[in-house]
Amino acid sequence: MRRTVRALSATALTAVALGVTAGVAVANPSAEVTPRIVAPGGTVTVSVLCEPSGGTPPDTIEAESKAFEHGAVQLRRAKGEEDTAGGPVYSGTARIAPAADFEAGGPDSAGRTSEWTVDGACPVAPGAQGKPWSASFTVTREHSRGTGVQHGVRAGEGGAFNDSTVALVTGGVLIAGALGAAVHRLRRREQ
């Protein structure tokens, strides 16, 4: 009986510790650009996970980058795709400036490969300043002979897997709990 209490106490403390760190990790907006490496004239998808603002979030937010063909793009809120913590998810597609723009000295002409950022701000409660977010991507002019197929097969798309910190921590806690229960049962059989 004492071992059961110890095992359950250790499992509970581990779950609490992981839960506290997960709450801290979700407190800031996160952004991602895919693909991370793109040729001039290609397209990228910008996805942003914002924290809950306490009210109805706007339908769009703006994402800006000097590497974008038009400098900025509107990201639309994905209705029904809110994170488990309740924050809105925004996504949009932007076209990268053509190769001629990079060769002619703009945007900020660089070598064959250059690192760029896309920036914006998540909505917050009325009267407050938006929470900034940023993501990086690389524009490469090496071996680029066009952008290739723009809309090929999208196997696996649908949100079945993501990098949600809350989901990863919850999965880890469940696995740790299952392992703890298995060890407890095996040890109990030995006695």
Foldseek 3Di string as FASTA:
>chain_A
DVVVVVLVVVLVVLLVVLVVVLVVVQQAKEKEWPPQEAAAQAKIKIKIWGADAPDDFDQWWKKAKQQFQVGIDIWGWDPPPHDPNRTTMTMDMTTGHHPVQLVVCPPPNDPQKDKIKIKTFGDHYPPDDGRIYMYMGMYGNPPDPDGPDRDDDDPPPDPPDDDNSVVVSVVVSVVVVVVSVVVVVVVVVVD
